C-alpha atoms as a PDB file:
ATOM      1  CA  MET A   1     105.800 -61.119 193.654  1.00  0.00           C
ATOM      2  CA  THR A   2     102.563 -59.876 195.129  1.00  0.00           C
ATOM      3  CA  SER A   3     100.327 -61.953 197.395  1.00  0.00           C
ATOM      4  CA  ARG A   4      97.716 -62.135 194.610  1.00  0.00           C
ATOM      5  CA  GLN A   5     100.230 -63.601 192.167  1.00  0.00           C
ATOM      6  CA  PHE A   6     101.306 -66.116 194.799  1.00  0.00           C
ATOM      7  CA  LEU A   7      97.711 -67.234 195.327  1.00  0.00           C
ATOM      8  CA  VAL A   8      97.231 -67.602 191.558  1.00  0.00           C
ATOM      9  CA  ILE A   9     100.329 -69.818 191.341  1.00  0.00           C
ATOM     10  CA  VAL A  10      99.125 -71.940 194.280  1.00  0.00           C
ATOM     11  CA  ALA A  11      95.695 -72.288 192.676  1.00  0.00           C
ATOM     12  CA  ALA A  12      97.264 -73.277 189.355  1.00  0.00           C
ATOM     13  CA  VAL A  13      99.471 -75.884 191.024  1.00  0.00           C
ATOM     14  CA  GLN A  14      96.473 -77.319 192.905  1.00  0.00           C
ATOM     15  CA  GLY A  15      94.499 -77.432 189.671  1.00  0.00           C
ATOM     16  CA  VAL A  16      97.297 -79.340 187.923  1.00  0.00           C
ATOM     17  CA  LEU A  17      97.544 -81.768 190.834  1.00  0.00           C
ATOM     18  CA  LEU A  18      93.780 -82.292 190.797  1.00  0.00           C
ATOM     19  CA  VAL A  19      93.807 -83.015 187.077  1.00  0.00           C
ATOM     20  CA  ALA A  20      96.740 -85.401 187.567  1.00  0.00           C
ATOM     21  CA  LEU A  21      94.833 -87.193 190.329  1.00  0.00           C
ATOM     22  CA  VAL A  22      91.749 -87.615 188.128  1.00  0.00           C
ATOM     23  CA  VAL A  23      93.908 -88.904 185.271  1.00  0.00           C
ATOM     24  CA  LEU A  24      95.644 -91.326 187.647  1.00  0.00           C
ATOM     25  CA  ILE A  25      92.281 -92.677 188.879  1.00  0.00           C
ATOM     26  CA  ILE A  26      91.057 -93.138 185.300  1.00  0.00           C
ATOM     27  CA  LEU A  27      94.282 -94.881 184.284  1.00  0.00           C
ATOM     28  CA  ASN A  28      94.147 -97.126 187.329  1.00  0.00           C
ATOM     29  CA  ARG A  29      90.590 -98.191 186.517  1.00  0.00           C
ATOM     30  CA  TRP A  30      91.501 -98.739 182.882  1.00  0.00           C
ATOM     31  CA  VAL A  31      94.491-100.901 183.827  1.00  0.00           C
ATOM     32  CA  ARG A  32      92.377-102.917 186.253  1.00  0.00           C
ATOM     33  CA  ALA A  33      89.611-103.408 183.691  1.00  0.00           C
ATOM     34  CA  ARG A  34      92.114-104.467 181.035  1.00  0.00           C
ATOM     35  CA  ARG A  35      93.842-106.868 183.430  1.00  0.00           C
ATOM     36  CA  ARG A  36      90.487-108.306 184.452  1.00  0.00           C
ATOM     37  CA  ALA A  37      89.538-108.815 180.820  1.00  0.00           C
ATOM     38  CA  GLN A  38      92.816-110.675 180.251  1.00  0.00           C
ATOM     39  CA  LEU A  39      92.439-112.883 183.332  1.00  0.00           C
ATOM     40  CA  ASP A  40      88.732-113.720 183.181  1.00  0.00           C
ATOM     41  CA  PRO A  41      89.146-116.274 180.352  1.00  0.00           C
ATOM     42  CA  HIS A  42      91.810-118.068 182.420  1.00  0.00           C
ATOM     43  CA  ARG A  43      89.526-118.110 185.472  1.00  0.00           C
ATOM     44  CA  VAL A  44      86.684-119.534 183.410  1.00  0.00           C
ATOM     45  CA  GLU A  45      89.058-122.097 181.945  1.00  0.00           C
ATOM     46  CA  LEU A  46      90.254-123.139 185.421  1.00  0.00           C
ATOM     47  CA  ASP A  47      86.694-123.542 186.712  1.00  0.00           C
ATOM     48  CA  ALA A  48      85.814-125.675 183.690  1.00  0.00           C
ATOM     49  CA  VAL A  49      88.918-127.848 184.110  1.00  0.00           C
ATOM     50  CA  MET A  50      88.231-128.229 187.838  1.00  0.00           C
ATOM     51  CA  GLN A  51      84.679-129.362 187.149  1.00  0.00           C
ATOM     52  CA  ARG A  52      85.855-131.915 184.606  1.00  0.00           C
ATOM     53  CA  TRP A  53      88.567-133.101 186.995  1.00  0.00           C
ATOM     54  CA  VAL A  54      86.024-133.586 189.793  1.00  0.00           C
ATOM     55  CA  LEU A  55      83.937-135.704 187.415  1.00  0.00           C
ATOM     56  CA  GLY A  56      86.973-137.742 186.361  1.00  0.00           C
ATOM     57  CA  GLN A  57      86.986-136.291 182.830  1.00  0.00           C
ATOM     58  CA  ALA A  58      90.355-134.482 183.160  1.00  0.00           C
ATOM     59  CA  GLN A  59      93.782-135.160 184.629  1.00  0.00           C
ATOM     60  CA  SER A  60      95.430-133.324 187.495  1.00  0.00           C
ATOM     61  CA  ASP A  61      98.077-132.120 185.009  1.00  0.00           C
ATOM     62  CA  ASP A  62      95.336-130.191 183.197  1.00  0.00           C
ATOM     63  CA  VAL A  63      94.446-128.460 186.459  1.00  0.00           C
ATOM     64  CA  LEU A  64      98.103-127.636 187.142  1.00  0.00           C
ATOM     65  CA  ARG A  65      98.505-126.047 183.721  1.00  0.00           C
ATOM     66  CA  ALA A  66      95.351-123.955 184.212  1.00  0.00           C
ATOM     67  CA  LEU A  67      96.583-122.791 187.624  1.00  0.00           C
ATOM     68  CA  ALA A  68      99.978-121.798 186.201  1.00  0.00           C
ATOM     69  CA  ARG A  69      98.281-119.374 183.770  1.00  0.00           C
ATOM     70  CA  LEU A  70      96.916-117.297 186.653  1.00  0.00           C
ATOM     71  CA  PRO A  71      98.803-114.938 188.977  1.00  0.00           C
ATOM     72  CA  ALA A  72      99.744-116.672 192.222  1.00  0.00           C
ATOM     73  CA  ALA A  73      97.220-114.717 194.319  1.00  0.00           C
ATOM     74  CA  LEU A  74      94.327-115.689 192.056  1.00  0.00           C
ATOM     75  CA  ALA A  75      95.507-119.291 191.873  1.00  0.00           C
ATOM     76  CA  ILE A  76      95.541-119.412 195.688  1.00  0.00           C
ATOM     77  CA  ASP A  77      92.012-117.988 195.822  1.00  0.00           C
ATOM     78  CA  ALA A  78      90.837-120.657 193.390  1.00  0.00           C
ATOM     79  CA  LEU A  79      92.495-123.436 195.389  1.00  0.00           C
ATOM     80  CA  VAL A  80      90.929-122.238 198.645  1.00  0.00           C
ATOM     81  CA  THR A  81      87.504-122.073 196.989  1.00  0.00           C
ATOM     82  CA  TRP A  82      87.693-125.533 195.422  1.00  0.00           C
ATOM     83  CA  SER A  83      89.327-127.310 198.374  1.00  0.00           C
ATOM     84  CA  ALA A  84      86.011-127.616 200.216  1.00  0.00           C
ATOM     85  CA  ARG A  85      84.269-129.254 197.231  1.00  0.00           C
ATOM     86  CA  ILE A  86      86.650-132.102 196.428  1.00  0.00           C
ATOM     87  CA  VAL A  87      87.204-135.355 198.331  1.00  0.00           C
ATOM     88  CA  SER A  88      90.481-135.579 200.181  1.00  0.00           C
ATOM     89  CA  GLU A  89      92.024-138.377 198.085  1.00  0.00           C
ATOM     90  CA  ARG A  90      91.729-136.451 194.822  1.00  0.00           C
ATOM     91  CA  TRP A  91      92.864-133.265 196.522  1.00  0.00           C
ATOM     92  CA  GLN A  92      95.984-134.921 197.944  1.00  0.00           C
ATOM     93  CA  GLU A  93      96.894-135.978 194.429  1.00  0.00           C
ATOM     94  CA  LEU A  94      96.696-132.353 193.313  1.00  0.00           C
ATOM     95  CA  ALA A  95      98.703-131.201 196.353  1.00  0.00           C
ATOM     96  CA  ARG A  96     101.517-133.596 195.480  1.00  0.00           C
ATOM     97  CA  GLY A  97     101.539-132.288 191.917  1.00  0.00           C
ATOM     98  CA  LEU A  98     101.780-128.688 193.132  1.00  0.00           C
ATOM     99  CA  GLU A  99     105.015-129.454 194.986  1.00  0.00           C
ATOM    100  CA  HIS A 100     106.858-129.389 191.643  1.00  0.00           C
ATOM    101  CA  GLN A 101     105.287-126.244 190.167  1.00  0.00           C
ATOM    102  CA  TRP A 102     107.636-123.256 189.913  1.00  0.00           C
ATOM    103  CA  TRP A 103     105.058-120.718 191.081  1.00  0.00           C
ATOM    104  CA  ALA A 104     104.091-122.924 194.016  1.00  0.00           C
ATOM    105  CA  ARG A 105     107.744-123.099 195.091  1.00  0.00           C
ATOM    106  CA  LEU A 106     107.873-119.297 195.065  1.00  0.00           C
ATOM    107  CA  VAL A 107     104.751-119.098 197.218  1.00  0.00           C
ATOM    108  CA  ARG A 108     106.230-121.580 199.689  1.00  0.00           C
ATOM    109  CA  ALA A 109     109.461-119.563 199.811  1.00  0.00           C
ATOM    110  CA  SER A 110     107.469-116.422 200.707  1.00  0.00           C
ATOM    111  CA  SER A 111     106.824-117.961 204.145  1.00  0.00           C
ATOM    112  CA  ARG A 112     110.105-116.250 205.089  1.00  0.00           C
ATOM    113  CA  SER A 113     109.139-112.892 203.541  1.00  0.00           C
ATOM    114  CA  ALA A 114     109.501-109.692 205.544  1.00  0.00           C
ATOM    115  CA  ARG A 115     106.068-108.605 204.225  1.00  0.00           C
ATOM    116  CA  TRP A 116     103.184-110.061 206.227  1.00  0.00           C
ATOM    117  CA  TRP A 117     100.842-110.229 203.228  1.00  0.00           C
ATOM    118  CA  LYS A 118     103.350-112.436 201.419  1.00  0.00           C
ATOM    119  CA  ARG A 119     103.508-114.713 204.451  1.00  0.00           C
ATOM    120  CA  LEU A 120      99.709-114.699 204.473  1.00  0.00           C
ATOM    121  CA  ASP A 121      99.677-115.901 200.854  1.00  0.00           C
ATOM    122  CA  ALA A 122     102.025-118.716 201.845  1.00  0.00           C
ATOM    123  CA  ALA A 123      99.876-119.639 204.835  1.00  0.00           C
ATOM    124  CA  ARG A 124      96.653-119.632 202.782  1.00  0.00           C
ATOM    125  CA  PHE A 125      98.325-121.751 200.098  1.00  0.00           C
ATOM    126  CA  LEU A 126      99.638-124.277 202.616  1.00  0.00           C
ATOM    127  CA  SER A 127      96.279-124.386 204.400  1.00  0.00           C
ATOM    128  CA  VAL A 128      94.840-126.285 201.431  1.00  0.00           C
ATOM    129  CA  VAL A 129      97.803-128.049 199.757  1.00  0.00           C
ATOM    130  CA  ALA A 130     100.324-128.661 202.542  1.00  0.00           C
ATOM    131  CA  THR A 131     102.175-131.992 202.569  1.00  0.00           C
ATOM    132  CA  PRO A 132     104.359-133.578 205.275  1.00  0.00           C
ATOM    133  CA  HIS A 133     107.349-131.822 203.666  1.00  0.00           C
ATOM    134  CA  ASP A 134     105.831-128.454 204.664  1.00  0.00           C
ATOM    135  CA  VAL A 135     105.857-129.045 208.430  1.00  0.00           C
ATOM    136  CA  GLY A 136     108.823-126.717 208.968  1.00  0.00           C
ATOM    137  CA  ARG A 137     107.199-123.897 206.995  1.00  0.00           C
ATOM    138  CA  VAL A 138     103.876-124.295 208.794  1.00  0.00           C
ATOM    139  CA  LEU A 139     105.685-124.312 212.129  1.00  0.00           C
ATOM    140  CA  ARG A 140     107.269-120.962 211.267  1.00  0.00           C
ATOM    141  CA  LEU A 141     103.922-119.505 210.179  1.00  0.00           C
ATOM    142  CA  LEU A 142     102.152-120.705 213.330  1.00  0.00           C
ATOM    143  CA  ARG A 143     104.653-118.640 215.312  1.00  0.00           C
ATOM    144  CA  ASP A 144     104.185-115.588 213.106  1.00  0.00           C
ATOM    145  CA  SER A 145     103.562-112.212 214.724  1.00  0.00           C
ATOM    146  CA  HIS A 146     100.569-111.309 212.520  1.00  0.00           C
ATOM    147  CA  PRO A 147      97.108-112.634 213.578  1.00  0.00           C
ATOM    148  CA  ALA A 148      95.926-113.156 209.977  1.00  0.00           C
ATOM    149  CA  VAL A 149      98.933-115.350 209.244  1.00  0.00           C
ATOM    150  CA  GLN A 150      98.388-117.290 212.484  1.00  0.00           C
ATOM    151  CA  ILE A 151      94.743-118.009 211.586  1.00  0.00           C
ATOM    152  CA  ALA A 152      95.580-119.120 208.054  1.00  0.00           C
ATOM    153  CA  ALA A 153      98.428-121.315 209.294  1.00  0.00           C
ATOM    154  CA  ALA A 154      96.193-122.953 211.901  1.00  0.00           C
ATOM    155  CA  THR A 155      93.889-124.187 209.140  1.00  0.00           C
ATOM    156  CA  THR A 156      96.805-126.266 207.850  1.00  0.00           C
ATOM    157  CA  LEU A 157      96.404-128.555 210.860  1.00  0.00           C
ATOM    158  CA  GLU A 158      93.309-129.981 209.158  1.00  0.00           C
ATOM    159  CA  ARG A 159      95.456-131.126 206.229  1.00  0.00           C
ATOM    160  CA  VAL A 160      98.665-132.301 207.876  1.00  0.00           C
ATOM    161  CA  ASP A 161      98.584-134.855 210.687  1.00  0.00           C
ATOM    162  CA  SER A 162     101.533-133.769 212.809  1.00  0.00           C
ATOM    163  CA  GLN A 163     101.919-133.960 216.580  1.00  0.00           C
ATOM    164  CA  LEU A 164     104.697-131.369 216.287  1.00  0.00           C
ATOM    165  CA  LEU A 165     102.324-128.814 214.730  1.00  0.00           C
ATOM    166  CA  VAL A 166      99.581-129.513 217.253  1.00  0.00           C
ATOM    167  CA  THR A 167     102.037-129.045 220.125  1.00  0.00           C
ATOM    168  CA  ALA A 168     103.367-125.815 218.595  1.00  0.00           C
ATOM    169  CA  ALA A 169      99.838-124.456 218.155  1.00  0.00           C
ATOM    170  CA  LEU A 170      98.975-125.191 221.782  1.00  0.00           C
ATOM    171  CA  GLU A 171     102.226-123.669 223.048  1.00  0.00           C
ATOM    172  CA  GLN A 172     101.397-120.530 221.079  1.00  0.00           C
ATOM    173  CA  LEU A 173      97.892-120.178 222.551  1.00  0.00           C
ATOM    174  CA  PRO A 174      98.686-117.931 225.547  1.00  0.00           C
ATOM    175  CA  PHE A 175     100.174-115.318 223.207  1.00  0.00           C
ATOM    176  CA  LEU A 176      97.155-115.144 220.869  1.00  0.00           C
ATOM    177  CA  GLY A 177      94.225-112.747 220.907  1.00  0.00           C
ATOM    178  CA  PRO A 178      90.719-113.985 221.811  1.00  0.00           C
ATOM    179  CA  THR A 179      89.546-114.128 218.178  1.00  0.00           C
ATOM    180  CA  VAL A 180      92.540-116.183 217.075  1.00  0.00           C
ATOM    181  CA  GLN A 181      92.109-118.452 220.110  1.00  0.00           C
ATOM    182  CA  ALA A 182      88.481-119.122 219.177  1.00  0.00           C
ATOM    183  CA  TYR A 183      89.499-120.024 215.639  1.00  0.00           C
ATOM    184  CA  TYR A 184      92.264-122.284 216.902  1.00  0.00           C
ATOM    185  CA  ALA A 185      89.707-124.117 219.034  1.00  0.00           C
ATOM    186  CA  SER A 186      87.509-124.839 216.028  1.00  0.00           C
ATOM    187  CA  VAL A 187      90.489-126.025 213.960  1.00  0.00           C
ATOM    188  CA  LEU A 188      92.127-128.157 216.639  1.00  0.00           C
ATOM    189  CA  LYS A 189      88.934-130.112 217.298  1.00  0.00           C
ATOM    190  CA  ARG A 190      89.867-132.266 214.308  1.00  0.00           C
ATOM    191  CA  ALA A 191      93.111-133.240 216.035  1.00  0.00           C
ATOM    192  CA  ARG A 192      91.235-133.783 219.320  1.00  0.00           C
ATOM    193  CA  PRO A 193      93.096-136.860 220.718  1.00  0.00           C
ATOM    194  CA  ALA A 194      96.529-135.251 220.375  1.00  0.00           C
ATOM    195  CA  VAL A 195      95.226-131.925 221.668  1.00  0.00           C
ATOM    196  CA  VAL A 196      93.606-133.480 224.735  1.00  0.00           C
ATOM    197  CA  ARG A 197      96.744-135.421 225.632  1.00  0.00           C
ATOM    198  CA  HIS A 198      98.896-132.315 225.447  1.00  0.00           C
ATOM    199  CA  LEU A 199      96.404-130.187 227.395  1.00  0.00           C
ATOM    200  CA  GLN A 200      96.367-132.759 230.180  1.00  0.00           C
ATOM    201  CA  LEU A 201     100.137-132.381 230.400  1.00  0.00           C
ATOM    202  CA  LEU A 202      99.857-128.578 230.459  1.00  0.00           C
ATOM    203  CA  PHE A 203      97.292-128.746 233.283  1.00  0.00           C
ATOM    204  CA  ARG A 204     100.009-130.237 235.504  1.00  0.00           C
ATOM    205  CA  ARG A 205     102.214-127.145 235.163  1.00  0.00           C
ATOM    206  CA  LEU A 206     100.662-125.480 238.202  1.00  0.00           C
ATOM    207  CA  ASN A 207     103.157-122.604 238.286  1.00  0.00           C
ATOM    208  CA  ASP A 208     103.009-121.832 234.565  1.00  0.00           C
ATOM    209  CA  PRO A 209     101.891-118.184 234.114  1.00  0.00           C
ATOM    210  CA  ARG A 210     100.175-119.234 230.876  1.00  0.00           C
ATOM    211  CA  LEU A 211      97.827-121.634 232.681  1.00  0.00           C
ATOM    212  CA  PRO A 212      94.758-119.299 232.703  1.00  0.00           C
ATOM    213  CA  ARG A 213      94.888-118.889 228.914  1.00  0.00           C
ATOM    214  CA  ILE A 214      95.386-122.627 228.442  1.00  0.00           C
ATOM    215  CA  ILE A 215      92.330-123.364 230.592  1.00  0.00           C
ATOM    216  CA  GLU A 216      90.292-120.776 228.699  1.00  0.00           C
ATOM    217  CA  PHE A 217      91.132-122.486 225.422  1.00  0.00           C
ATOM    218  CA  ALA A 218      90.547-125.974 226.814  1.00  0.00           C
ATOM    219  CA  GLY A 219      87.065-124.933 227.887  1.00  0.00           C
ATOM    220  CA  ARG A 220      86.198-124.063 224.292  1.00  0.00           C
ATOM    221  CA  LEU A 221      86.848-127.642 223.217  1.00  0.00           C
ATOM    222  CA  GLN A 222      84.122-128.998 225.558  1.00  0.00           C
ATOM    223  CA  GLU A 223      85.999-132.282 225.758  1.00  0.00           C
ATOM    224  CA  PRO A 224      84.598-134.560 228.528  1.00  0.00           C
ATOM    225  CA  ALA A 225      88.045-136.060 229.152  1.00  0.00           C
ATOM    226  CA  LEU A 226      89.239-132.660 230.419  1.00  0.00           C
ATOM    227  CA  ARG A 227      86.527-132.267 233.079  1.00  0.00           C
ATOM    228  CA  GLU A 228      88.535-134.005 235.781  1.00  0.00           C
ATOM    229  CA  GLY A 229      91.486-131.709 235.129  1.00  0.00           C
ATOM    230  CA  PHE A 230      89.249-128.652 235.529  1.00  0.00           C
ATOM    231  CA  THR A 231      87.815-129.814 238.851  1.00  0.00           C
ATOM    232  CA  THR A 232      91.331-130.563 240.147  1.00  0.00           C
ATOM    233  CA  LEU A 233      92.356-126.968 239.442  1.00  0.00           C
ATOM    234  CA  ALA A 234      89.351-125.525 241.298  1.00  0.00           C
ATOM    235  CA  THR A 235      91.553-125.050 244.386  1.00  0.00           C
ATOM    236  CA  HIS A 236      94.468-123.424 242.552  1.00  0.00           C
ATOM    237  CA  LEU A 237      96.133-120.520 244.371  1.00  0.00           C
ATOM    238  CA  ASP A 238      95.805-118.160 241.385  1.00  0.00           C
ATOM    239  CA  ALA A 239      92.405-116.441 241.289  1.00  0.00           C
ATOM    240  CA  GLU A 240      92.557-116.079 237.509  1.00  0.00           C
ATOM    241  CA  VAL A 241      93.032-119.838 237.141  1.00  0.00           C
ATOM    242  CA  ARG A 242      90.033-120.477 239.416  1.00  0.00           C
ATOM    243  CA  SER A 243      87.992-117.959 237.406  1.00  0.00           C
ATOM    244  CA  GLN A 244      88.737-119.727 234.133  1.00  0.00           C
ATOM    245  CA  VAL A 245      87.987-123.101 235.740  1.00  0.00           C
ATOM    246  CA  ALA A 246      84.635-121.800 236.997  1.00  0.00           C
ATOM    247  CA  ARG A 247      83.779-120.526 233.533  1.00  0.00           C
ATOM    248  CA  ALA A 248      84.756-123.785 231.825  1.00  0.00           C
ATOM    249  CA  LEU A 249      82.873-126.103 234.202  1.00  0.00           C
ATOM    250  CA  GLY A 250      79.555-124.694 233.030  1.00  0.00           C
ATOM    251  CA  ARG A 251      80.035-126.709 229.837  1.00  0.00           C
ATOM    252  CA  PHE A 252      80.388-129.985 231.770  1.00  0.00           C
ATOM    253  CA  PRO A 253      77.126-130.995 233.518  1.00  0.00           C
ATOM    254  CA  HIS A 254      78.295-133.527 236.120  1.00  0.00           C
ATOM    255  CA  PRO A 255      77.966-133.972 239.894  1.00  0.00           C
ATOM    256  CA  GLU A 256      81.678-133.237 240.359  1.00  0.00           C
ATOM    257  CA  SER A 257      81.325-130.042 238.314  1.00  0.00           C
ATOM    258  CA  VAL A 258      78.407-128.964 240.509  1.00  0.00           C
ATOM    259  CA  ALA A 259      80.437-129.732 243.650  1.00  0.00           C
ATOM    260  CA  ALA A 260      83.408-127.691 242.415  1.00  0.00           C
ATOM    261  CA  LEU A 261      81.183-124.773 241.418  1.00  0.00           C
ATOM    262  CA  SER A 262      79.368-124.869 244.763  1.00  0.00           C
ATOM    263  CA  TYR A 263      82.779-124.358 246.352  1.00  0.00           C
ATOM    264  CA  LEU A 264      83.904-121.658 243.913  1.00  0.00           C
ATOM    265  CA  VAL A 265      80.683-119.631 244.251  1.00  0.00           C
ATOM    266  CA  GLN A 266      81.873-118.774 247.783  1.00  0.00           C
ATOM    267  CA  ASP A 267      85.391-117.780 246.668  1.00  0.00           C
ATOM    268  CA  ASP A 268      87.058-114.660 248.093  1.00  0.00           C
ATOM    269  CA  ALA A 269      87.652-113.229 244.579  1.00  0.00           C
ATOM    270  CA  TRP A 270      84.486-111.776 243.046  1.00  0.00           C
ATOM    271  CA  PRO A 271      85.404-112.668 239.412  1.00  0.00           C
ATOM    272  CA  VAL A 272      85.551-116.327 240.504  1.00  0.00           C
ATOM    273  CA  ARG A 273      82.156-116.055 242.210  1.00  0.00           C
ATOM    274  CA  ALA A 274      80.663-114.382 239.125  1.00  0.00           C
ATOM    275  CA  GLN A 275      81.885-117.108 236.774  1.00  0.00           C
ATOM    276  CA  ALA A 276      80.830-119.852 239.190  1.00  0.00           C
ATOM    277  CA  VAL A 277      77.276-118.616 239.519  1.00  0.00           C
ATOM    278  CA  ARG A 278      77.084-118.170 235.758  1.00  0.00           C
ATOM    279  CA  SER A 279      78.109-121.794 235.254  1.00  0.00           C
ATOM    280  CA  LEU A 280      75.624-123.003 237.877  1.00  0.00           C
ATOM    281  CA  GLY A 281      72.917-121.323 235.834  1.00  0.00           C
ATOM    282  CA  MET A 282      74.159-123.072 232.682  1.00  0.00           C
ATOM    283  CA  ILE A 283      74.020-126.487 234.375  1.00  0.00           C
ATOM    284  CA  GLY A 284      70.672-125.716 236.019  1.00  0.00           C
ATOM    285  CA  ASP A 285      70.861-128.210 238.868  1.00  0.00           C
ATOM    286  CA  PRO A 286      67.839-127.533 241.175  1.00  0.00           C
ATOM    287  CA  LYS A 287      69.958-128.407 244.224  1.00  0.00           C
ATOM    288  CA  THR A 288      72.112-125.310 243.639  1.00  0.00           C
ATOM    289  CA  LEU A 289      69.156-122.907 243.619  1.00  0.00           C
ATOM    290  CA  PRO A 290      69.813-121.727 247.225  1.00  0.00           C
ATOM    291  CA  LEU A 291      73.424-120.885 246.316  1.00  0.00           C
ATOM    292  CA  VAL A 292      72.351-118.881 243.267  1.00  0.00           C
ATOM    293  CA  ARG A 293      69.679-117.032 245.241  1.00  0.00           C
ATOM    294  CA  GLU A 294      72.253-116.250 247.918  1.00  0.00           C
ATOM    295  CA  ALA A 295      74.584-114.838 245.237  1.00  0.00           C
ATOM    296  CA  LEU A 296      71.799-112.395 244.346  1.00  0.00           C
ATOM    297  CA  ARG A 297      72.703-110.628 247.614  1.00  0.00           C
ATOM    298  CA  ASP A 298      76.439-110.565 246.934  1.00  0.00           C
ATOM    299  CA  ALA A 299      78.335-107.353 247.706  1.00  0.00           C
ATOM    300  CA  GLU A 300      79.640-107.160 244.117  1.00  0.00           C
ATOM    301  CA  TRP A 301      77.269-105.903 241.389  1.00  0.00           C
ATOM    302  CA  TRP A 302      78.653-108.235 238.693  1.00  0.00           C
ATOM    303  CA  VAL A 303      78.062-111.290 240.874  1.00  0.00           C
ATOM    304  CA  ARG A 304      74.473-110.191 241.499  1.00  0.00           C
ATOM    305  CA  LEU A 305      73.966-109.687 237.755  1.00  0.00           C
ATOM    306  CA  ARG A 306      75.276-113.180 236.972  1.00  0.00           C
ATOM    307  CA  ALA A 307      73.078-114.617 239.723  1.00  0.00           C
ATOM    308  CA  GLY A 308      69.984-112.925 238.319  1.00  0.00           C
ATOM    309  CA  LEU A 309      70.730-114.174 234.816  1.00  0.00           C
ATOM    310  CA  ALA A 310      71.434-117.660 236.183  1.00  0.00           C
ATOM    311  CA  LEU A 311      68.021-117.734 237.873  1.00  0.00           C
ATOM    312  CA  THR A 312      66.319-117.052 234.524  1.00  0.00           C
ATOM    313  CA  ARG A 313      67.909-120.264 233.233  1.00  0.00           C
ATOM    314  CA  MET A 314      66.606-122.365 236.100  1.00  0.00           C
ATOM    315  CA  GLY A 315      63.006-122.535 234.987  1.00  0.00           C
ATOM    316  CA  THR A 316      59.946-121.662 237.037  1.00  0.00           C
ATOM    317  CA  THR A 317      61.701-122.056 240.386  1.00  0.00           C
ATOM    318  CA  GLY A 318      64.401-119.632 239.331  1.00  0.00           C
ATOM    319  CA  ARG A 319      61.887-117.056 238.141  1.00  0.00           C
ATOM    320  CA  ASN A 320      59.959-117.431 241.379  1.00  0.00           C
ATOM    321  CA  GLY A 321      63.200-116.716 243.214  1.00  0.00           C
ATOM    322  CA  LEU A 322      63.533-113.459 241.297  1.00  0.00           C
ATOM    323  CA  LEU A 323      59.921-112.509 242.056  1.00  0.00           C
ATOM    324  CA  GLU A 324      60.482-113.127 245.769  1.00  0.00           C
ATOM    325  CA  ALA A 325      63.701-111.078 245.711  1.00  0.00           C
ATOM    326  CA  GLU A 326      61.864-108.234 243.948  1.00  0.00           C
ATOM    327  CA  VAL A 327      59.707-107.716 247.036  1.00  0.00           C
ATOM    328  CA  GLY A 328      62.289-108.884 249.571  1.00  0.00           C
ATOM    329  CA  ALA A 329      64.071-106.924 252.264  1.00  0.00           C
ATOM    330  CA  ASP A 330      67.563-106.839 250.679  1.00  0.00           C
ATOM    331  CA  PRO A 331      67.824-103.630 248.596  1.00  0.00           C
ATOM    332  CA  ASP A 332      70.639-104.905 246.359  1.00  0.00           C
ATOM    333  CA  ALA A 333      68.814-108.146 245.538  1.00  0.00           C
ATOM    334  CA  ARG A 334      65.570-106.201 245.028  1.00  0.00           C
ATOM    335  CA  ASP A 335      67.148-103.807 242.535  1.00  0.00           C
ATOM    336  CA  MET A 336      68.846-106.592 240.586  1.00  0.00           C
ATOM    337  CA  ALA A 337      65.655-108.670 240.442  1.00  0.00           C
ATOM    338  CA  ARG A 338      63.765-105.687 239.044  1.00  0.00           C
ATOM    339  CA  LEU A 339      66.478-105.122 236.465  1.00  0.00           C
ATOM    340  CA  ILE A 340      66.480-108.750 235.285  1.00  0.00           C
ATOM    341  CA  LEU A 341      62.692-109.075 235.240  1.00  0.00           C
ATOM    342  CA  GLY A 342      62.450-105.919 233.175  1.00  0.00           C
ATOM    343  CA  LEU A 343      64.710-107.202 230.389  1.00  0.00           C
ATOM    344  CA  SER A 344      63.278-108.462 227.102  1.00  0.00           C
ATOM    345  CA  PRO A 345      63.919-112.099 226.062  1.00  0.00           C
ATOM    346  CA  GLN A 346      66.402-110.860 223.432  1.00  0.00           C
ATOM    347  CA  ALA A 347      68.328-108.825 226.012  1.00  0.00           C
ATOM    348  CA  LEU A 348      68.347-111.767 228.429  1.00  0.00           C
ATOM    349  CA  ALA A 349      69.765-114.046 225.753  1.00  0.00           C
ATOM    350  CA  GLU A 350      72.497-111.532 224.922  1.00  0.00           C
ATOM    351  CA  PHE A 351      73.484-110.886 228.544  1.00  0.00           C
ATOM    352  CA  ALA A 352      73.447-114.553 229.476  1.00  0.00           C
ATOM    353  CA  ALA A 353      75.721-115.578 226.566  1.00  0.00           C
END
């Protein structure tokens, strides 16, 4: 076989594969279009039944039958969409009815699946129709290794009042990414009393390596009852704990918060000083202006940046402090003041966030 014949064979094979790929794409689109045409009437029927049920013109059994005609994934999507539009009493009635549906039992069983997307379906389903009998399943999903499953499972806490689930969610916090932590904070606000009680217990575990992450999460809740716990931890031996405390105290305007931050702004660790001066700017107490202006001459660039941004939050006196530093004798403070004064309002808002 010559090299030319070999190239012709290769070209022919590639041509056949290209044609097969085009045919596969066309078939895939045709199958999807046909499936959509078959399912659309069932979706329309479900929406109509749901609307009648909301108005009291249909029974929950009618809704269950309409849901059973859809694939499980589409039924879950419909339940998630409608859950925000229906009062809790009517929705709980539907949730109890779904406990006995064969397809719903399969979805619940997929909470143990080896495939994360199956576990996600289970978590999304339970996030809107969970009952007290599902506590064990939700507990397993809260401890899942996939962030999407964790987020979906956390939403279940709005439906099921369980101290066990709240405790499990809080114990899981130090192992979660920042995005999942932020979502947990928004979800757990509904279970605030139980969350606050458990966080106060966690604050007492001074040697717990997870304490910095716990404090970071607690700060997101902005719960006044936790302020005293934050100020108590301001003298913790771990610099990361003190840094998180300094960051959190900015959300708690109070004389004790100002006192703790005035102490932390002189900390040996520069991340603690940076967070402390940032929080002093958020509180905006005029008495702390000398401390913030002093931080503008700090040896660490990040502390000086936070001090400059904090001064912009302290009104006319803060801006005057920047103007004085701009023509002052300290070169570091002078450079930072020029940088801050040269920023646009939009840039200031973004940096100061």
